[in-house]
């Protein structure tokens, strides 16, 4: 599979999945070659690697990097090259920030020491992958910055971009939107970086009964969804989630949906109806996407839903109906 030409102002319509082997330091497994093989065989071309720096560095020693772990990330890049799958390297936990607990000892947004360490890590990755084409590898700086002042975020992103470009001036860089990836960041327009949005709205569908957002008592969702006096449907998605990012795109910024999906407890028929509307809108917009996740509670494999019949697939449980739907888009 030949990978599409890329630039920060026009990201390809990459379609694929998040792979979670190094998503938390406690897990820290090598990436799995068969994931890349199946992603490619099913017609997809993108793997986002949300990484925790705690896999290759200690929380109390940010500047000492573990080469044996970094070689396992190299291996994922090689799997991507072998199977024609673009590898997007993301710091899900960076020195000084993660959307998930536990909190970091210092704040990336406030402490220069944390920013120095984060820049050091990104500079290392830039040097490590210099010479590999942007068609094959890109960097996604920080996963889901929260609702912080835009100028604070812009300051941090500028520093990280400088660190990367000091080692590799041509590397394709993507920055997540603010408010956990939902809001475009117009203050980054002049930096020549793409931006990554999210496809989790409405949360009543994507995170039904997800303990980490305290949604256990939410009513069982439908699609379209009634929220108070408002009807949430495809037109609502277009107005609320597509239009603001189209305004950013018109300023010359490429857009990609870095994460999206629905947790295992949302009724399957509701998930599929909602997914189809999202996928159709992104196709119309010309945007690619990356499902959270491939294997696991949001994914097409081993999602452990109770309301579907799975297909046996190489020792895994495949949600064939969901796979066929996303292949269509």
C-alpha atoms as a PDB file:
ATOM      1  CA  UNK A   1       0.000   0.000   0.000  1.00  0.00           C
ATOM      2  CA  UNK A   2       1.493   3.382  -0.990  1.00  0.00           C
ATOM      3  CA  UNK A   3       1.099   6.065   1.655  1.00  0.00           C
ATOM      4  CA  UNK A   4      -0.371   9.433   0.632  1.00  0.00           C
ATOM      5  CA  UNK A   5       1.706  12.614   0.365  1.00  0.00           C
ATOM      6  CA  UNK A   6       1.513  14.762   3.447  1.00  0.00           C
ATOM      7  CA  UNK A   7       1.874  18.328   4.669  1.00  0.00           C
ATOM      8  CA  UNK A   8       0.788  20.086   7.855  1.00  0.00           C
ATOM      9  CA  UNK A   9      -1.640  22.203   5.843  1.00  0.00           C
ATOM     10  CA  UNK A  10      -3.313  19.183   4.267  1.00  0.00           C
ATOM     11  CA  UNK A  11      -3.176  15.949   6.240  1.00  0.00           C
ATOM     12  CA  UNK A  12      -4.106  12.817   4.306  1.00  0.00           C
ATOM     13  CA  UNK A  13      -7.347  11.059   5.098  1.00  0.00           C
ATOM     14  CA  UNK A  14      -5.483   8.491   7.173  1.00  0.00           C
ATOM     15  CA  UNK A  15      -7.821   5.887   8.724  1.00  0.00           C
ATOM     16  CA  UNK A  16      -6.798   3.545  11.493  1.00  0.00           C
ATOM     17  CA  UNK A  17      -6.489   2.836  15.195  1.00  0.00           C
ATOM     18  CA  UNK A  18      -4.784   3.662  18.485  1.00  0.00           C
ATOM     19  CA  UNK A  19      -2.462   0.887  19.702  1.00  0.00           C
ATOM     20  CA  UNK A  20      -2.041   0.864  23.478  1.00  0.00           C
ATOM     21  CA  UNK A  21       1.020  -1.259  24.284  1.00  0.00           C
ATOM     22  CA  UNK A  22       2.838   1.706  25.888  1.00  0.00           C
ATOM     23  CA  UNK A  23      -0.171   3.748  26.924  1.00  0.00           C
ATOM     24  CA  UNK A  24       0.708   3.362  30.629  1.00  0.00           C
ATOM     25  CA  UNK A  25       4.092   2.731  32.205  1.00  0.00           C
ATOM     26  CA  UNK A  26       2.812  -0.276  34.155  1.00  0.00           C
ATOM     27  CA  UNK A  27       1.990  -2.167  30.961  1.00  0.00           C
ATOM     28  CA  UNK A  28       4.916  -1.287  28.677  1.00  0.00           C
ATOM     29  CA  UNK A  29       4.667  -4.209  26.237  1.00  0.00           C
ATOM     30  CA  UNK A  30       6.272  -4.461  22.799  1.00  0.00           C
ATOM     31  CA  UNK A  31       3.958  -3.592  19.914  1.00  0.00           C
ATOM     32  CA  UNK A  32       2.328  -6.516  18.120  1.00  0.00           C
ATOM     33  CA  UNK A  33       3.172  -7.133  14.462  1.00  0.00           C
ATOM     34  CA  UNK A  34      -0.151  -8.805  13.696  1.00  0.00           C
ATOM     35  CA  UNK A  35      -1.987  -5.557  14.595  1.00  0.00           C
ATOM     36  CA  UNK A  36      -0.199  -3.748  11.769  1.00  0.00           C
ATOM     37  CA  UNK A  37      -0.749  -6.687   9.421  1.00  0.00           C
ATOM     38  CA  UNK A  38      -4.498  -6.817  10.056  1.00  0.00           C
ATOM     39  CA  UNK A  39      -4.876  -3.029   9.957  1.00  0.00           C
ATOM     40  CA  UNK A  40      -3.296  -3.066   6.511  1.00  0.00           C
ATOM     41  CA  UNK A  41      -5.170  -6.131   5.241  1.00  0.00           C
ATOM     42  CA  UNK A  42      -8.488  -4.535   6.211  1.00  0.00           C
ATOM     43  CA  UNK A  43      -7.637  -1.462   4.125  1.00  0.00           C
ATOM     44  CA  UNK A  44      -6.495   0.987   6.833  1.00  0.00           C
ATOM     45  CA  UNK A  45      -3.219   2.909   6.865  1.00  0.00           C
ATOM     46  CA  UNK A  46      -2.729   4.622  10.247  1.00  0.00           C
ATOM     47  CA  UNK A  47      -1.620   3.652  13.751  1.00  0.00           C
ATOM     48  CA  UNK A  48      -1.469   6.219  16.541  1.00  0.00           C
ATOM     49  CA  UNK A  49       0.807   5.226  19.398  1.00  0.00           C
ATOM     50  CA  UNK A  50      -0.285   7.011  22.595  1.00  0.00           C
ATOM     51  CA  UNK A  51       2.850   6.659  24.736  1.00  0.00           C
ATOM     52  CA  UNK A  52       3.705   7.222  28.374  1.00  0.00           C
ATOM     53  CA  UNK A  53       7.208   8.587  28.886  1.00  0.00           C
ATOM     54  CA  UNK A  54       7.291   6.446  32.040  1.00  0.00           C
ATOM     55  CA  UNK A  55       7.862   3.477  29.749  1.00  0.00           C
ATOM     56  CA  UNK A  56      11.346   4.766  28.806  1.00  0.00           C
ATOM     57  CA  UNK A  57      12.196   7.126  31.687  1.00  0.00           C
ATOM     58  CA  UNK A  58      11.710   7.221  35.434  1.00  0.00           C
ATOM     59  CA  UNK A  59       9.355   9.777  36.985  1.00  0.00           C
ATOM     60  CA  UNK A  60      12.231  10.819  39.275  1.00  0.00           C
ATOM     61  CA  UNK A  61      14.877  10.878  36.535  1.00  0.00           C
ATOM     62  CA  UNK A  62      13.404  12.469  33.429  1.00  0.00           C
ATOM     63  CA  UNK A  63      16.638  12.771  31.430  1.00  0.00           C
ATOM     64  CA  UNK A  64      17.846   9.165  31.598  1.00  0.00           C
ATOM     65  CA  UNK A  65      16.245   7.327  28.660  1.00  0.00           C
ATOM     66  CA  UNK A  66      15.994   3.529  28.460  1.00  0.00           C
ATOM     67  CA  UNK A  67      17.289   2.429  25.085  1.00  0.00           C
ATOM     68  CA  UNK A  68      15.792  -1.072  25.260  1.00  0.00           C
ATOM     69  CA  UNK A  69      12.263   0.385  25.483  1.00  0.00           C
ATOM     70  CA  UNK A  70      12.894   2.974  22.756  1.00  0.00           C
ATOM     71  CA  UNK A  71      13.951   0.117  20.464  1.00  0.00           C
ATOM     72  CA  UNK A  72      10.464  -1.357  20.901  1.00  0.00           C
ATOM     73  CA  UNK A  73       9.029   1.901  19.527  1.00  0.00           C
ATOM     74  CA  UNK A  74      11.521   1.658  16.651  1.00  0.00           C
ATOM     75  CA  UNK A  75      10.092  -1.794  16.010  1.00  0.00           C
ATOM     76  CA  UNK A  76       6.567  -0.350  15.716  1.00  0.00           C
ATOM     77  CA  UNK A  77       7.844   2.138  13.138  1.00  0.00           C
ATOM     78  CA  UNK A  78       9.398  -0.774  11.242  1.00  0.00           C
ATOM     79  CA  UNK A  79       6.107  -2.712  11.373  1.00  0.00           C
ATOM     80  CA  UNK A  80       4.400   0.361   9.920  1.00  0.00           C
ATOM     81  CA  UNK A  81       6.937   0.539   7.101  1.00  0.00           C
ATOM     82  CA  UNK A  82       6.567  -3.178   6.405  1.00  0.00           C
ATOM     83  CA  UNK A  83       2.771  -3.035   6.113  1.00  0.00           C
ATOM     84  CA  UNK A  84       2.234   0.461   4.688  1.00  0.00           C
ATOM     85  CA  UNK A  85       0.786   1.869   7.912  1.00  0.00           C
ATOM     86  CA  UNK A  86       1.635   5.438   8.937  1.00  0.00           C
ATOM     87  CA  UNK A  87       2.887   5.606  12.545  1.00  0.00           C
ATOM     88  CA  UNK A  88       1.846   8.660  14.565  1.00  0.00           C
ATOM     89  CA  UNK A  89       3.905   8.960  17.771  1.00  0.00           C
ATOM     90  CA  UNK A  90       2.038  10.699  20.585  1.00  0.00           C
ATOM     91  CA  UNK A  91       3.032  11.573  24.141  1.00  0.00           C
ATOM     92  CA  UNK A  92      -0.079  10.534  26.053  1.00  0.00           C
ATOM     93  CA  UNK A  93       1.875  11.107  29.245  1.00  0.00           C
ATOM     94  CA  UNK A  94       4.624  13.708  28.871  1.00  0.00           C
ATOM     95  CA  UNK A  95       6.924  14.951  31.615  1.00  0.00           C
ATOM     96  CA  UNK A  96       4.578  17.333  33.417  1.00  0.00           C
ATOM     97  CA  UNK A  97       1.204  16.399  31.933  1.00  0.00           C
ATOM     98  CA  UNK A  98      -1.260  13.575  31.437  1.00  0.00           C
ATOM     99  CA  UNK A  99      -5.039  13.749  31.085  1.00  0.00           C
ATOM    100  CA  UNK A 100      -5.270  10.627  33.287  1.00  0.00           C
ATOM    101  CA  UNK A 101      -4.203  10.159  36.913  1.00  0.00           C
ATOM    102  CA  UNK A 102      -1.763  10.077  38.587  1.00  0.00           C
ATOM    103  CA  UNK A 103      -0.719  13.719  38.409  1.00  0.00           C
ATOM    104  CA  UNK A 104       2.832  14.521  37.421  1.00  0.00           C
ATOM    105  CA  UNK A 105       5.189  15.889  40.130  1.00  0.00           C
ATOM    106  CA  UNK A 106       5.615  19.145  38.162  1.00  0.00           C
ATOM    107  CA  UNK A 107       3.306  20.912  35.687  1.00  0.00           C
ATOM    108  CA  UNK A 108       4.249  21.203  32.039  1.00  0.00           C
ATOM    109  CA  UNK A 109       2.170  24.386  31.884  1.00  0.00           C
ATOM    110  CA  UNK A 110       3.859  26.109  34.861  1.00  0.00           C
ATOM    111  CA  UNK A 111       7.279  24.576  35.547  1.00  0.00           C
ATOM    112  CA  UNK A 112      10.226  25.236  33.270  1.00  0.00           C
ATOM    113  CA  UNK A 113      11.923  22.039  34.430  1.00  0.00           C
ATOM    114  CA  UNK A 114       9.034  19.954  33.094  1.00  0.00           C
ATOM    115  CA  UNK A 115       9.011  21.852  29.800  1.00  0.00           C
ATOM    116  CA  UNK A 116      12.784  21.403  29.470  1.00  0.00           C
ATOM    117  CA  UNK A 117      12.397  17.655  30.023  1.00  0.00           C
ATOM    118  CA  UNK A 118       9.532  17.344  27.552  1.00  0.00           C
ATOM    119  CA  UNK A 119      11.530  19.261  24.929  1.00  0.00           C
ATOM    120  CA  UNK A 120      14.516  16.987  25.621  1.00  0.00           C
ATOM    121  CA  UNK A 121      12.381  13.888  24.979  1.00  0.00           C
ATOM    122  CA  UNK A 122      10.896  15.241  21.757  1.00  0.00           C
ATOM    123  CA  UNK A 123      14.332  16.320  20.513  1.00  0.00           C
ATOM    124  CA  UNK A 124      15.539  12.774  21.103  1.00  0.00           C
ATOM    125  CA  UNK A 125      12.638  11.323  19.123  1.00  0.00           C
ATOM    126  CA  UNK A 126      13.250  13.847  16.330  1.00  0.00           C
ATOM    127  CA  UNK A 127      16.904  12.855  16.083  1.00  0.00           C
ATOM    128  CA  UNK A 128      16.027   9.178  16.316  1.00  0.00           C
ATOM    129  CA  UNK A 129      13.605   9.223  13.374  1.00  0.00           C
ATOM    130  CA  UNK A 130      15.276  11.858  11.214  1.00  0.00           C
ATOM    131  CA  UNK A 131      15.369  10.718   7.602  1.00  0.00           C
ATOM    132  CA  UNK A 132      12.190   8.653   7.811  1.00  0.00           C
ATOM    133  CA  UNK A 133       9.665  10.311   5.469  1.00  0.00           C
ATOM    134  CA  UNK A 134       6.616  12.123   6.843  1.00  0.00           C
ATOM    135  CA  UNK A 135       4.548   9.692   4.789  1.00  0.00           C
ATOM    136  CA  UNK A 136       5.666   7.039   7.298  1.00  0.00           C
ATOM    137  CA  UNK A 137       6.061   8.832  10.663  1.00  0.00           C
ATOM    138  CA  UNK A 138       4.569  11.928  12.317  1.00  0.00           C
ATOM    139  CA  UNK A 139       4.616  13.370  15.840  1.00  0.00           C
ATOM    140  CA  UNK A 140       1.537  14.274  17.928  1.00  0.00           C
ATOM    141  CA  UNK A 141       2.926  16.436  20.725  1.00  0.00           C
ATOM    142  CA  UNK A 142       0.618  16.102  23.740  1.00  0.00           C
ATOM    143  CA  UNK A 143      -2.557  14.143  24.250  1.00  0.00           C
ATOM    144  CA  UNK A 144      -5.656  16.175  25.101  1.00  0.00           C
ATOM    145  CA  UNK A 145      -4.549  19.356  26.869  1.00  0.00           C
ATOM    146  CA  UNK A 146      -7.303  20.354  29.266  1.00  0.00           C
ATOM    147  CA  UNK A 147      -9.173  23.646  29.440  1.00  0.00           C
ATOM    148  CA  UNK A 148      -6.099  25.833  29.941  1.00  0.00           C
ATOM    149  CA  UNK A 149      -5.443  29.357  28.578  1.00  0.00           C
ATOM    150  CA  UNK A 150      -4.607  29.269  24.885  1.00  0.00           C
ATOM    151  CA  UNK A 151      -1.494  31.404  25.368  1.00  0.00           C
ATOM    152  CA  UNK A 152      -0.160  28.878  27.904  1.00  0.00           C
ATOM    153  CA  UNK A 153      -0.630  26.025  25.457  1.00  0.00           C
ATOM    154  CA  UNK A 154       0.838  27.978  22.550  1.00  0.00           C
ATOM    155  CA  UNK A 155       3.960  28.767  24.627  1.00  0.00           C
ATOM    156  CA  UNK A 156       4.506  25.068  25.356  1.00  0.00           C
ATOM    157  CA  UNK A 157       3.806  23.915  21.793  1.00  0.00           C
ATOM    158  CA  UNK A 158       6.221  26.489  20.363  1.00  0.00           C
ATOM    159  CA  UNK A 159       8.970  25.219  22.632  1.00  0.00           C
ATOM    160  CA  UNK A 160       8.370  21.590  21.678  1.00  0.00           C
ATOM    161  CA  UNK A 161       8.209  22.412  17.968  1.00  0.00           C
ATOM    162  CA  UNK A 162      11.535  24.278  18.260  1.00  0.00           C
ATOM    163  CA  UNK A 163      13.102  21.276  19.996  1.00  0.00           C
ATOM    164  CA  UNK A 164      11.951  18.911  17.250  1.00  0.00           C
ATOM    165  CA  UNK A 165      12.944  21.202  14.393  1.00  0.00           C
ATOM    166  CA  UNK A 166      16.387  21.789  15.900  1.00  0.00           C
ATOM    167  CA  UNK A 167      17.026  18.100  15.127  1.00  0.00           C
ATOM    168  CA  UNK A 168      14.740  17.556  12.136  1.00  0.00           C
ATOM    169  CA  UNK A 169      13.395  20.725  10.491  1.00  0.00           C
ATOM    170  CA  UNK A 170      11.048  18.782   8.214  1.00  0.00           C
ATOM    171  CA  UNK A 171       9.243  16.442  10.598  1.00  0.00           C
ATOM    172  CA  UNK A 172       5.439  16.554  10.350  1.00  0.00           C
ATOM    173  CA  UNK A 173       4.046  17.730  13.691  1.00  0.00           C
ATOM    174  CA  UNK A 174       0.450  17.612  14.924  1.00  0.00           C
ATOM    175  CA  UNK A 175      -0.968  19.344  18.009  1.00  0.00           C
ATOM    176  CA  UNK A 176      -4.146  18.247  19.785  1.00  0.00           C
ATOM    177  CA  UNK A 177      -6.930  20.770  20.233  1.00  0.00           C
ATOM    178  CA  UNK A 178      -7.656  22.356  23.602  1.00  0.00           C
ATOM    179  CA  UNK A 179     -10.422  21.269  25.996  1.00  0.00           C
ATOM    180  CA  UNK A 180      -9.306  17.637  25.706  1.00  0.00           C
ATOM    181  CA  UNK A 181      -8.864  17.821  21.947  1.00  0.00           C
ATOM    182  CA  UNK A 182     -12.277  19.291  21.195  1.00  0.00           C
ATOM    183  CA  UNK A 183     -11.457  22.942  20.402  1.00  0.00           C
ATOM    184  CA  UNK A 184      -9.298  24.216  17.523  1.00  0.00           C
ATOM    185  CA  UNK A 185      -6.323  26.377  18.479  1.00  0.00           C
ATOM    186  CA  UNK A 186      -6.069  29.398  16.193  1.00  0.00           C
ATOM    187  CA  UNK A 187      -2.979  30.623  18.048  1.00  0.00           C
ATOM    188  CA  UNK A 188      -0.971  27.794  16.446  1.00  0.00           C
ATOM    189  CA  UNK A 189      -1.850  28.665  12.831  1.00  0.00           C
ATOM    190  CA  UNK A 190       1.533  30.251  12.040  1.00  0.00           C
ATOM    191  CA  UNK A 191       3.561  27.288  13.371  1.00  0.00           C
ATOM    192  CA  UNK A 192       3.002  25.017  10.345  1.00  0.00           C
ATOM    193  CA  UNK A 193       1.584  22.156  12.393  1.00  0.00           C
ATOM    194  CA  UNK A 194      -1.521  20.093  11.791  1.00  0.00           C
ATOM    195  CA  UNK A 195      -4.166  19.742  14.480  1.00  0.00           C
ATOM    196  CA  UNK A 196      -5.981  16.744  15.913  1.00  0.00           C
ATOM    197  CA  UNK A 197      -9.600  16.789  17.054  1.00  0.00           C
ATOM    198  CA  UNK A 198     -11.739  14.182  18.819  1.00  0.00           C
ATOM    199  CA  UNK A 199     -14.858  12.216  18.003  1.00  0.00           C
ATOM    200  CA  UNK A 200     -16.349  11.517  21.423  1.00  0.00           C
ATOM    201  CA  UNK A 201     -19.387  13.787  21.251  1.00  0.00           C
ATOM    202  CA  UNK A 202     -21.907  13.349  22.647  1.00  0.00           C
ATOM    203  CA  UNK A 203     -20.229  11.848  25.708  1.00  0.00           C
ATOM    204  CA  UNK A 204     -23.553  10.235  26.653  1.00  0.00           C
ATOM    205  CA  UNK A 205     -22.940   7.803  23.772  1.00  0.00           C
ATOM    206  CA  UNK A 206     -19.147   7.426  23.760  1.00  0.00           C
ATOM    207  CA  UNK A 207     -18.714   7.119  27.528  1.00  0.00           C
ATOM    208  CA  UNK A 208     -21.913   5.504  28.786  1.00  0.00           C
ATOM    209  CA  UNK A 209     -21.133   3.636  32.048  1.00  0.00           C
ATOM    210  CA  UNK A 210     -17.454   4.640  31.892  1.00  0.00           C
ATOM    211  CA  UNK A 211     -16.299   4.802  35.501  1.00  0.00           C
ATOM    212  CA  UNK A 212     -13.559   7.386  34.836  1.00  0.00           C
ATOM    213  CA  UNK A 213     -16.126  10.029  33.852  1.00  0.00           C
ATOM    214  CA  UNK A 214     -18.642   9.046  36.559  1.00  0.00           C
ATOM    215  CA  UNK A 215     -21.299   8.115  34.005  1.00  0.00           C
ATOM    216  CA  UNK A 216     -22.623   4.957  35.672  1.00  0.00           C
ATOM    217  CA  UNK A 217     -25.981   6.610  36.415  1.00  0.00           C
ATOM    218  CA  UNK A 218     -26.540   8.206  33.004  1.00  0.00           C
ATOM    219  CA  UNK A 219     -29.688   6.970  31.197  1.00  0.00           C
ATOM    220  CA  UNK A 220     -29.181   4.463  28.390  1.00  0.00           C
ATOM    221  CA  UNK A 221     -28.455   6.551  25.273  1.00  0.00           C
ATOM    222  CA  UNK A 222     -30.207   6.650  21.931  1.00  0.00           C
ATOM    223  CA  UNK A 223     -29.151   8.166  18.617  1.00  0.00           C
ATOM    224  CA  UNK A 224     -30.342  10.774  17.865  1.00  0.00           C
ATOM    225  CA  UNK A 225     -30.143  11.830  21.524  1.00  0.00           C
ATOM    226  CA  UNK A 226     -32.373  14.207  23.441  1.00  0.00           C
ATOM    227  CA  UNK A 227     -30.446  16.356  25.938  1.00  0.00           C
ATOM    228  CA  UNK A 228     -32.828  18.600  27.833  1.00  0.00           C
ATOM    229  CA  UNK A 229     -34.666  20.572  25.150  1.00  0.00           C
ATOM    230  CA  UNK A 230     -32.013  19.912  22.493  1.00  0.00           C
ATOM    231  CA  UNK A 231     -31.970  17.178  19.861  1.00  0.00           C
ATOM    232  CA  UNK A 232     -28.466  15.893  19.161  1.00  0.00           C
ATOM    233  CA  UNK A 233     -28.232  14.360  15.697  1.00  0.00           C
ATOM    234  CA  UNK A 234     -26.099  14.442  12.557  1.00  0.00           C
ATOM    235  CA  UNK A 235     -26.880  18.100  11.907  1.00  0.00           C
ATOM    236  CA  UNK A 236     -25.913  18.951  15.478  1.00  0.00           C
ATOM    237  CA  UNK A 237     -22.604  17.136  15.023  1.00  0.00           C
ATOM    238  CA  UNK A 238     -21.938  19.062  11.824  1.00  0.00           C
ATOM    239  CA  UNK A 239     -22.617  22.405  13.463  1.00  0.00           C
ATOM    240  CA  UNK A 240     -20.961  21.713  16.821  1.00  0.00           C
ATOM    241  CA  UNK A 241     -18.022  19.456  15.939  1.00  0.00           C
ATOM    242  CA  UNK A 242     -17.246  19.988  12.227  1.00  0.00           C
ATOM    243  CA  UNK A 243     -17.861  23.686  11.548  1.00  0.00           C
ATOM    244  CA  UNK A 244     -15.375  25.102  14.134  1.00  0.00           C
ATOM    245  CA  UNK A 245     -12.610  22.897  12.752  1.00  0.00           C
ATOM    246  CA  UNK A 246     -13.494  23.752   9.154  1.00  0.00           C
ATOM    247  CA  UNK A 247     -12.890  27.396  10.105  1.00  0.00           C
ATOM    248  CA  UNK A 248      -9.405  26.408  11.268  1.00  0.00           C
ATOM    249  CA  UNK A 249      -8.799  24.375   8.127  1.00  0.00           C
ATOM    250  CA  UNK A 250      -9.610  27.420   6.005  1.00  0.00           C
ATOM    251  CA  UNK A 251      -6.560  29.101   7.572  1.00  0.00           C
ATOM    252  CA  UNK A 252      -4.317  26.416   6.102  1.00  0.00           C
ATOM    253  CA  UNK A 253      -4.232  23.881   8.947  1.00  0.00           C
ATOM    254  CA  UNK A 254      -4.654  20.168   8.261  1.00  0.00           C
ATOM    255  CA  UNK A 255      -7.154  18.343  10.504  1.00  0.00           C
ATOM    256  CA  UNK A 256      -7.306  14.722  11.652  1.00  0.00           C
ATOM    257  CA  UNK A 257      -9.544  12.963  14.212  1.00  0.00           C
ATOM    258  CA  UNK A 258      -6.950  11.429  16.533  1.00  0.00           C
ATOM    259  CA  UNK A 259      -9.354   9.490  18.752  1.00  0.00           C
ATOM    260  CA  UNK A 260     -12.975   8.409  18.613  1.00  0.00           C
ATOM    261  CA  UNK A 261     -15.156   5.462  19.530  1.00  0.00           C
ATOM    262  CA  UNK A 262     -17.716   4.250  22.057  1.00  0.00           C
ATOM    263  CA  UNK A 263     -17.284   2.262  25.240  1.00  0.00           C
ATOM    264  CA  UNK A 264     -18.509  -1.330  25.435  1.00  0.00           C
ATOM    265  CA  UNK A 265     -21.726  -0.658  27.403  1.00  0.00           C
ATOM    266  CA  UNK A 266     -23.460   1.600  24.868  1.00  0.00           C
ATOM    267  CA  UNK A 267     -26.071  -0.456  22.948  1.00  0.00           C
ATOM    268  CA  UNK A 268     -24.453  -1.745  19.777  1.00  0.00           C
ATOM    269  CA  UNK A 269     -27.175  -0.553  17.418  1.00  0.00           C
ATOM    270  CA  UNK A 270     -26.899   2.955  18.911  1.00  0.00           C
ATOM    271  CA  UNK A 271     -23.112   2.906  18.523  1.00  0.00           C
ATOM    272  CA  UNK A 272     -23.304   1.885  14.868  1.00  0.00           C
ATOM    273  CA  UNK A 273     -25.910   4.530  13.990  1.00  0.00           C
ATOM    274  CA  UNK A 274     -23.845   7.241  15.695  1.00  0.00           C
ATOM    275  CA  UNK A 275     -20.599   5.979  14.135  1.00  0.00           C
ATOM    276  CA  UNK A 276     -22.084   6.059  10.651  1.00  0.00           C
ATOM    277  CA  UNK A 277     -23.087   9.708  11.032  1.00  0.00           C
ATOM    278  CA  UNK A 278     -19.636  10.623  12.354  1.00  0.00           C
ATOM    279  CA  UNK A 279     -17.879   8.713   9.578  1.00  0.00           C
ATOM    280  CA  UNK A 280     -20.052  10.254   6.869  1.00  0.00           C
ATOM    281  CA  UNK A 281     -19.367  13.774   8.177  1.00  0.00           C
ATOM    282  CA  UNK A 282     -15.605  13.173   8.344  1.00  0.00           C
ATOM    283  CA  UNK A 283     -15.578  11.725   4.848  1.00  0.00           C
ATOM    284  CA  UNK A 284     -17.468  14.782   3.592  1.00  0.00           C
ATOM    285  CA  UNK A 285     -14.969  17.008   5.424  1.00  0.00           C
ATOM    286  CA  UNK A 286     -12.026  15.100   3.949  1.00  0.00           C
ATOM    287  CA  UNK A 287     -10.655  14.125   7.370  1.00  0.00           C
ATOM    288  CA  UNK A 288      -9.079  10.894   8.460  1.00  0.00           C
ATOM    289  CA  UNK A 289      -9.583   9.265  11.840  1.00  0.00           C
ATOM    290  CA  UNK A 290      -8.079   6.893  14.374  1.00  0.00           C
ATOM    291  CA  UNK A 291     -10.347   4.733  16.517  1.00  0.00           C
ATOM    292  CA  UNK A 292      -9.752   4.244  20.192  1.00  0.00           C
ATOM    293  CA  UNK A 293      -8.950   1.421  20.133  1.00  0.00           C
ATOM    294  CA  UNK A 294      -8.076  -1.642  18.049  1.00  0.00           C
ATOM    295  CA  UNK A 295      -8.153  -4.423  20.632  1.00  0.00           C
ATOM    296  CA  UNK A 296     -10.160  -3.548  23.721  1.00  0.00           C
ATOM    297  CA  UNK A 297     -13.320  -2.048  25.181  1.00  0.00           C
ATOM    298  CA  UNK A 298     -13.842   0.582  22.436  1.00  0.00           C
ATOM    299  CA  UNK A 299     -12.467  -1.497  19.587  1.00  0.00           C
ATOM    300  CA  UNK A 300     -13.361  -3.923  16.827  1.00  0.00           C
ATOM    301  CA  UNK A 301     -11.497  -6.786  18.549  1.00  0.00           C
ATOM    302  CA  UNK A 302     -12.113  -8.136  22.063  1.00  0.00           C
ATOM    303  CA  UNK A 303     -14.491  -5.338  23.089  1.00  0.00           C
ATOM    304  CA  UNK A 304     -16.449  -7.632  25.437  1.00  0.00           C
ATOM    305  CA  UNK A 305     -19.861  -6.255  24.493  1.00  0.00           C
ATOM    306  CA  UNK A 306     -22.852  -8.230  25.756  1.00  0.00           C
ATOM    307  CA  UNK A 307     -25.315  -7.505  22.935  1.00  0.00           C
ATOM    308  CA  UNK A 308     -23.559  -8.876  19.833  1.00  0.00           C
ATOM    309  CA  UNK A 309     -22.365 -12.184  18.420  1.00  0.00           C
ATOM    310  CA  UNK A 310     -18.637 -12.089  17.838  1.00  0.00           C
ATOM    311  CA  UNK A 311     -16.774 -13.783  15.013  1.00  0.00           C
ATOM    312  CA  UNK A 312     -13.722 -15.842  15.966  1.00  0.00           C
ATOM    313  CA  UNK A 313     -10.679 -14.290  14.341  1.00  0.00           C
ATOM    314  CA  UNK A 314      -7.201 -15.692  14.981  1.00  0.00           C
ATOM    315  CA  UNK A 315      -7.926 -16.203  18.657  1.00  0.00           C
ATOM    316  CA  UNK A 316      -9.696 -12.836  19.006  1.00  0.00           C
ATOM    317  CA  UNK A 317     -13.364 -11.862  19.070  1.00  0.00           C
ATOM    318  CA  UNK A 318     -14.142  -9.704  16.033  1.00  0.00           C
ATOM    319  CA  UNK A 319     -17.044  -7.258  15.838  1.00  0.00           C
ATOM    320  CA  UNK A 320     -17.636  -7.927  12.148  1.00  0.00           C
ATOM    321  CA  UNK A 321     -20.537  -5.495  11.793  1.00  0.00           C
ATOM    322  CA  UNK A 322     -18.491  -2.598  13.169  1.00  0.00           C
ATOM    323  CA  UNK A 323     -15.489  -3.529  11.019  1.00  0.00           C
ATOM    324  CA  UNK A 324     -17.578  -3.624   7.834  1.00  0.00           C
ATOM    325  CA  UNK A 325     -19.093  -0.248   8.700  1.00  0.00           C
ATOM    326  CA  UNK A 326     -15.793   1.555   9.210  1.00  0.00           C
ATOM    327  CA  UNK A 327     -14.276  -0.085   6.106  1.00  0.00           C
ATOM    328  CA  UNK A 328     -17.035   1.576   4.065  1.00  0.00           C
ATOM    329  CA  UNK A 329     -15.757   5.029   5.079  1.00  0.00           C
END
